[in-house]
């Protein structure tokens, strides 16, 4: 986990195939990975967290 890549909102949106604004809407919802504050105005997401979220969504479908 030490070498876990941090994705930007745009990269996260591309991985989830949604608009970046949708990623912001997902933040704080149950099951969505927590964001990591990178700077005062930027957040990111751990790649492993996003992949685990996708796996849970696929299993639930």
PDB file of N, CA and C in Angstrom:
ATOM      1  N   UNK A   1       0.819  -1.194   0.000  1.00  0.00           N
ATOM      2  CA  UNK A   1       0.000   0.000   0.000  1.00  0.00           C
ATOM      3  C   UNK A   1       0.867   1.264   0.000  1.00  0.00           C
ATOM      4  N   UNK A   2       2.126   1.127   0.354  1.00  0.00           N
ATOM      5  CA  UNK A   2       2.994   2.295   0.368  1.00  0.00           C
ATOM      6  C   UNK A   2       3.193   2.876  -1.026  1.00  0.00           C
ATOM      7  N   UNK A   3       3.179   2.030  -2.038  1.00  0.00           N
ATOM      8  CA  UNK A   3       3.379   2.485  -3.404  1.00  0.00           C
ATOM      9  C   UNK A   3       2.061   2.698  -4.128  1.00  0.00           C
ATOM     10  N   UNK A   4       0.962   2.822  -3.388  1.00  0.00           N
ATOM     11  CA  UNK A   4      -0.353   2.992  -3.989  1.00  0.00           C
ATOM     12  C   UNK A   4      -0.424   4.329  -4.717  1.00  0.00           C
ATOM     13  N   UNK A   5      -0.863   4.274  -5.946  1.00  0.00           N
ATOM     14  CA  UNK A   5      -0.949   5.467  -6.785  1.00  0.00           C
ATOM     15  C   UNK A   5      -2.143   6.314  -6.370  1.00  0.00           C
ATOM     16  N   UNK A   6      -1.993   7.632  -6.421  1.00  0.00           N
ATOM     17  CA  UNK A   6      -3.074   8.567  -6.129  1.00  0.00           C
ATOM     18  C   UNK A   6      -3.638   9.064  -7.447  1.00  0.00           C
ATOM     19  N   UNK A   7      -4.948   8.934  -7.597  1.00  0.00           N
ATOM     20  CA  UNK A   7      -5.624   9.387  -8.809  1.00  0.00           C
ATOM     21  C   UNK A   7      -6.235  10.761  -8.577  1.00  0.00           C
ATOM     22  N   UNK A   8      -6.209  11.594  -9.593  1.00  0.00           N
ATOM     23  CA  UNK A   8      -6.919  12.868  -9.541  1.00  0.00           C
ATOM     24  C   UNK A   8      -8.407  12.597  -9.729  1.00  0.00           C
ATOM     25  N   UNK A   9      -9.222  13.608  -9.541  1.00  0.00           N
ATOM     26  CA  UNK A   9     -10.665  13.466  -9.762  1.00  0.00           C
ATOM     27  C   UNK A   9     -10.925  13.093 -11.224  1.00  0.00           C
ATOM     28  N   UNK A  10     -10.206  13.725 -12.133  1.00  0.00           N
ATOM     29  CA  UNK A  10     -10.385  13.432 -13.556  1.00  0.00           C
ATOM     30  C   UNK A  10     -10.032  11.982 -13.867  1.00  0.00           C
ATOM     31  N   UNK A  11      -8.931  11.495 -13.333  1.00  0.00           N
ATOM     32  CA  UNK A  11      -8.531  10.113 -13.555  1.00  0.00           C
ATOM     33  C   UNK A  11      -9.531   9.141 -12.930  1.00  0.00           C
ATOM     34  N   UNK A  12     -10.019   9.483 -11.750  1.00  0.00           N
ATOM     35  CA  UNK A  12     -11.019   8.656 -11.084  1.00  0.00           C
ATOM     36  C   UNK A  12     -12.291   8.600 -11.914  1.00  0.00           C
ATOM     37  N   UNK A  13     -12.710   9.744 -12.445  1.00  0.00           N
ATOM     38  CA  UNK A  13     -13.902   9.794 -13.286  1.00  0.00           C
ATOM     39  C   UNK A  13     -13.728   8.925 -14.528  1.00  0.00           C
ATOM     40  N   UNK A  14     -12.558   8.966 -15.139  1.00  0.00           N
ATOM     41  CA  UNK A  14     -12.302   8.143 -16.321  1.00  0.00           C
ATOM     42  C   UNK A  14     -12.371   6.661 -15.978  1.00  0.00           C
ATOM     43  N   UNK A  15     -11.832   6.284 -14.834  1.00  0.00           N
ATOM     44  CA  UNK A  15     -11.859   4.891 -14.417  1.00  0.00           C
ATOM     45  C   UNK A  15     -13.287   4.427 -14.136  1.00  0.00           C
ATOM     46  N   UNK A  16     -14.102   5.316 -13.579  1.00  0.00           N
ATOM     47  CA  UNK A  16     -15.492   4.983 -13.263  1.00  0.00           C
ATOM     48  C   UNK A  16     -16.433   5.218 -14.441  1.00  0.00           C
ATOM     49  N   UNK A  17     -15.920   5.805 -15.502  1.00  0.00           N
ATOM     50  CA  UNK A  17     -16.686   6.190 -16.699  1.00  0.00           C
ATOM     51  C   UNK A  17     -17.864   7.093 -16.344  1.00  0.00           C
ATOM     52  N   UNK A  18     -17.560   8.125 -15.567  1.00  0.00           N
ATOM     53  CA  UNK A  18     -18.537   9.154 -15.214  1.00  0.00           C
ATOM     54  C   UNK A  18     -17.896  10.523 -15.398  1.00  0.00           C
ATOM     55  N   UNK A  19     -18.702  11.560 -15.309  1.00  0.00           N
ATOM     56  CA  UNK A  19     -18.206  12.934 -15.387  1.00  0.00           C
ATOM     57  C   UNK A  19     -17.508  13.277 -14.067  1.00  0.00           C
ATOM     58  N   UNK A  20     -16.475  14.116 -14.094  1.00  0.00           N
ATOM     59  CA  UNK A  20     -15.806  14.502 -12.849  1.00  0.00           C
ATOM     60  C   UNK A  20     -16.752  15.085 -11.795  1.00  0.00           C
ATOM     61  N   UNK A  21     -17.767  15.806 -12.209  1.00  0.00           N
ATOM     62  CA  UNK A  21     -18.728  16.331 -11.227  1.00  0.00           C
ATOM     63  C   UNK A  21     -19.439  15.211 -10.487  1.00  0.00           C
ATOM     64  N   UNK A  22     -19.649  14.097 -11.158  1.00  0.00           N
ATOM     65  CA  UNK A  22     -20.300  12.953 -10.527  1.00  0.00           C
ATOM     66  C   UNK A  22     -19.428  12.378  -9.419  1.00  0.00           C
ATOM     67  N   UNK A  23     -18.125  12.402  -9.620  1.00  0.00           N
ATOM     68  CA  UNK A  23     -17.209  11.926  -8.581  1.00  0.00           C
ATOM     69  C   UNK A  23     -17.406  12.765  -7.321  1.00  0.00           C
ATOM     70  N   UNK A  24     -17.501  14.075  -7.472  1.00  0.00           N
ATOM     71  CA  UNK A  24     -17.730  14.940  -6.308  1.00  0.00           C
ATOM     72  C   UNK A  24     -19.065  14.617  -5.645  1.00  0.00           C
ATOM     73  N   UNK A  25     -20.071  14.252  -6.431  1.00  0.00           N
ATOM     74  CA  UNK A  25     -21.370  13.873  -5.866  1.00  0.00           C
ATOM     75  C   UNK A  25     -21.279  12.565  -5.088  1.00  0.00           C
ATOM     76  N   UNK A  26     -20.426  11.667  -5.533  1.00  0.00           N
ATOM     77  CA  UNK A  26     -20.254  10.380  -4.866  1.00  0.00           C
ATOM     78  C   UNK A  26     -19.526  10.503  -3.528  1.00  0.00           C
ATOM     79  N   UNK A  27     -18.674  11.509  -3.391  1.00  0.00           N
ATOM     80  CA  UNK A  27     -17.880  11.669  -2.173  1.00  0.00           C
ATOM     81  C   UNK A  27     -18.821  11.781  -0.973  1.00  0.00           C
ATOM     82  N   UNK A  28     -18.538  10.974   0.026  1.00  0.00           N
ATOM     83  CA  UNK A  28     -19.342  10.992   1.239  1.00  0.00           C
ATOM     84  C   UNK A  28     -20.509  10.021   1.222  1.00  0.00           C
ATOM     85  N   UNK A  29     -20.768   9.408   0.066  1.00  0.00           N
ATOM     86  CA  UNK A  29     -21.831   8.413   0.029  1.00  0.00           C
ATOM     87  C   UNK A  29     -21.281   7.091   0.558  1.00  0.00           C
ATOM     88  N   UNK A  30     -22.182   6.264   1.027  1.00  0.00           N
ATOM     89  CA  UNK A  30     -21.787   5.003   1.631  1.00  0.00           C
ATOM     90  C   UNK A  30     -21.083   4.108   0.609  1.00  0.00           C
ATOM     91  N   UNK A  31     -19.918   3.613   0.999  1.00  0.00           N
ATOM     92  CA  UNK A  31     -19.178   2.696   0.154  1.00  0.00           C
ATOM     93  C   UNK A  31     -18.178   3.348  -0.781  1.00  0.00           C
ATOM     94  N   UNK A  32     -18.321   4.654  -1.044  1.00  0.00           N
ATOM     95  CA  UNK A  32     -17.372   5.304  -1.946  1.00  0.00           C
ATOM     96  C   UNK A  32     -16.074   5.586  -1.195  1.00  0.00           C
ATOM     97  N   UNK A  33     -14.936   5.415  -1.863  1.00  0.00           N
ATOM     98  CA  UNK A  33     -13.651   5.608  -1.183  1.00  0.00           C
ATOM     99  C   UNK A  33     -13.481   7.038  -0.654  1.00  0.00           C
ATOM    100  N   UNK A  34     -12.831   7.168   0.469  1.00  0.00           N
ATOM    101  CA  UNK A  34     -12.580   8.509   0.998  1.00  0.00           C
ATOM    102  C   UNK A  34     -11.583   9.261   0.125  1.00  0.00           C
ATOM    103  N   UNK A  35     -11.754  10.553   0.034  1.00  0.00           N
ATOM    104  CA  UNK A  35     -10.801  11.351  -0.732  1.00  0.00           C
ATOM    105  C   UNK A  35      -9.626  11.735   0.166  1.00  0.00           C
ATOM    106  N   UNK A  36      -8.526  12.040  -0.483  1.00  0.00           N
ATOM    107  CA  UNK A  36      -7.305  12.445   0.200  1.00  0.00           C
ATOM    108  C   UNK A  36      -7.021  13.877  -0.209  1.00  0.00           C
ATOM    109  N   UNK A  37      -6.900  14.761   0.752  1.00  0.00           N
ATOM    110  CA  UNK A  37      -6.622  16.156   0.448  1.00  0.00           C
ATOM    111  C   UNK A  37      -5.166  16.283   0.027  1.00  0.00           C
ATOM    112  N   UNK A  38      -4.944  16.744  -1.218  1.00  0.00           N
ATOM    113  CA  UNK A  38      -3.596  16.906  -1.743  1.00  0.00           C
ATOM    114  C   UNK A  38      -3.082  18.315  -1.509  1.00  0.00           C
ATOM    115  N   UNK A  39      -3.924  19.287  -1.766  1.00  0.00           N
ATOM    116  CA  UNK A  39      -3.627  20.693  -1.491  1.00  0.00           C
ATOM    117  C   UNK A  39      -4.916  21.291  -0.950  1.00  0.00           C
ATOM    118  N   UNK A  40      -4.927  22.574  -0.753  1.00  0.00           N
ATOM    119  CA  UNK A  40      -6.119  23.237  -0.254  1.00  0.00           C
ATOM    120  C   UNK A  40      -7.297  23.067  -1.206  1.00  0.00           C
ATOM    121  N   UNK A  41      -7.013  22.992  -2.507  1.00  0.00           N
ATOM    122  CA  UNK A  41      -8.084  22.942  -3.505  1.00  0.00           C
ATOM    123  C   UNK A  41      -8.151  21.634  -4.297  1.00  0.00           C
ATOM    124  N   UNK A  42      -7.272  20.678  -4.006  1.00  0.00           N
ATOM    125  CA  UNK A  42      -7.237  19.425  -4.777  1.00  0.00           C
ATOM    126  C   UNK A  42      -7.383  18.218  -3.877  1.00  0.00           C
ATOM    127  N   UNK A  43      -8.135  17.250  -4.374  1.00  0.00           N
ATOM    128  CA  UNK A  43      -8.256  15.978  -3.676  1.00  0.00           C
ATOM    129  C   UNK A  43      -7.900  14.861  -4.643  1.00  0.00           C
ATOM    130  N   UNK A  44      -7.605  13.710  -4.088  1.00  0.00           N
ATOM    131  CA  UNK A  44      -7.306  12.542  -4.900  1.00  0.00           C
ATOM    132  C   UNK A  44      -7.883  11.307  -4.237  1.00  0.00           C
ATOM    133  N   UNK A  45      -7.721  10.181  -4.903  1.00  0.00           N
ATOM    134  CA  UNK A  45      -8.237   8.911  -4.412  1.00  0.00           C
ATOM    135  C   UNK A  45      -7.178   7.848  -4.622  1.00  0.00           C
ATOM    136  N   UNK A  46      -7.038   6.935  -3.647  1.00  0.00           N
ATOM    137  CA  UNK A  46      -6.103   5.824  -3.811  1.00  0.00           C
ATOM    138  C   UNK A  46      -6.637   4.880  -4.879  1.00  0.00           C
ATOM    139  N   UNK A  47      -5.772   4.486  -5.791  1.00  0.00           N
ATOM    140  CA  UNK A  47      -6.154   3.574  -6.859  1.00  0.00           C
ATOM    141  C   UNK A  47      -6.730   2.281  -6.292  1.00  0.00           C
ATOM    142  N   UNK A  48      -6.107   1.744  -5.257  1.00  0.00           N
ATOM    143  CA  UNK A  48      -6.588   0.486  -4.680  1.00  0.00           C
ATOM    144  C   UNK A  48      -7.990   0.641  -4.094  1.00  0.00           C
ATOM    145  N   UNK A  49      -8.291   1.804  -3.509  1.00  0.00           N
ATOM    146  CA  UNK A  49      -9.629   2.063  -2.962  1.00  0.00           C
ATOM    147  C   UNK A  49     -10.668   2.127  -4.074  1.00  0.00           C
ATOM    148  N   UNK A  50     -10.315   2.780  -5.173  1.00  0.00           N
ATOM    149  CA  UNK A  50     -11.248   2.903  -6.297  1.00  0.00           C
ATOM    150  C   UNK A  50     -11.475   1.535  -6.939  1.00  0.00           C
ATOM    151  N   UNK A  51     -10.419   0.755  -7.073  1.00  0.00           N
ATOM    152  CA  UNK A  51     -10.566  -0.580  -7.644  1.00  0.00           C
ATOM    153  C   UNK A  51     -11.421  -1.473  -6.745  1.00  0.00           C
ATOM    154  N   UNK A  52     -11.245  -1.366  -5.439  1.00  0.00           N
ATOM    155  CA  UNK A  52     -12.066  -2.143  -4.506  1.00  0.00           C
ATOM    156  C   UNK A  52     -13.529  -1.713  -4.606  1.00  0.00           C
ATOM    157  N   UNK A  53     -13.765  -0.426  -4.776  1.00  0.00           N
ATOM    158  CA  UNK A  53     -15.129   0.069  -4.956  1.00  0.00           C
ATOM    159  C   UNK A  53     -15.751  -0.515  -6.220  1.00  0.00           C
ATOM    160  N   UNK A  54     -15.001  -0.521  -7.304  1.00  0.00           N
ATOM    161  CA  UNK A  54     -15.490  -1.100  -8.557  1.00  0.00           C
ATOM    162  C   UNK A  54     -15.775  -2.590  -8.399  1.00  0.00           C
ATOM    163  N   UNK A  55     -14.931  -3.290  -7.680  1.00  0.00           N
ATOM    164  CA  UNK A  55     -15.139  -4.720  -7.455  1.00  0.00           C
ATOM    165  C   UNK A  55     -16.430  -4.957  -6.659  1.00  0.00           C
ATOM    166  N   UNK A  56     -16.665  -4.138  -5.631  1.00  0.00           N
ATOM    167  CA  UNK A  56     -17.893  -4.269  -4.839  1.00  0.00           C
ATOM    168  C   UNK A  56     -19.129  -3.978  -5.685  1.00  0.00           C
ATOM    169  N   UNK A  57     -19.040  -2.981  -6.559  1.00  0.00           N
ATOM    170  CA  UNK A  57     -20.166  -2.637  -7.419  1.00  0.00           C
ATOM    171  C   UNK A  57     -20.451  -3.774  -8.406  1.00  0.00           C
ATOM    172  N   UNK A  58     -19.403  -4.373  -8.933  1.00  0.00           N
ATOM    173  CA  UNK A  58     -19.574  -5.463  -9.890  1.00  0.00           C
ATOM    174  C   UNK A  58     -20.179  -6.689  -9.197  1.00  0.00           C
ATOM    175  N   UNK A  59     -19.757  -6.944  -7.972  1.00  0.00           N
ATOM    176  CA  UNK A  59     -20.271  -8.096  -7.227  1.00  0.00           C
ATOM    177  C   UNK A  59     -21.742  -7.904  -6.867  1.00  0.00           C
ATOM    178  N   UNK A  60     -22.133  -6.665  -6.646  1.00  0.00           N
ATOM    179  CA  UNK A  60     -23.516  -6.375  -6.263  1.00  0.00           C
ATOM    180  C   UNK A  60     -24.456  -6.415  -7.457  1.00  0.00           C
ATOM    181  N   UNK A  61     -23.920  -6.307  -8.659  1.00  0.00           N
ATOM    182  CA  UNK A  61     -24.772  -6.258  -9.871  1.00  0.00           C
ATOM    183  C   UNK A  61     -25.243  -7.626 -10.291  1.00  0.00           C
TER     184      UNK A  61
END
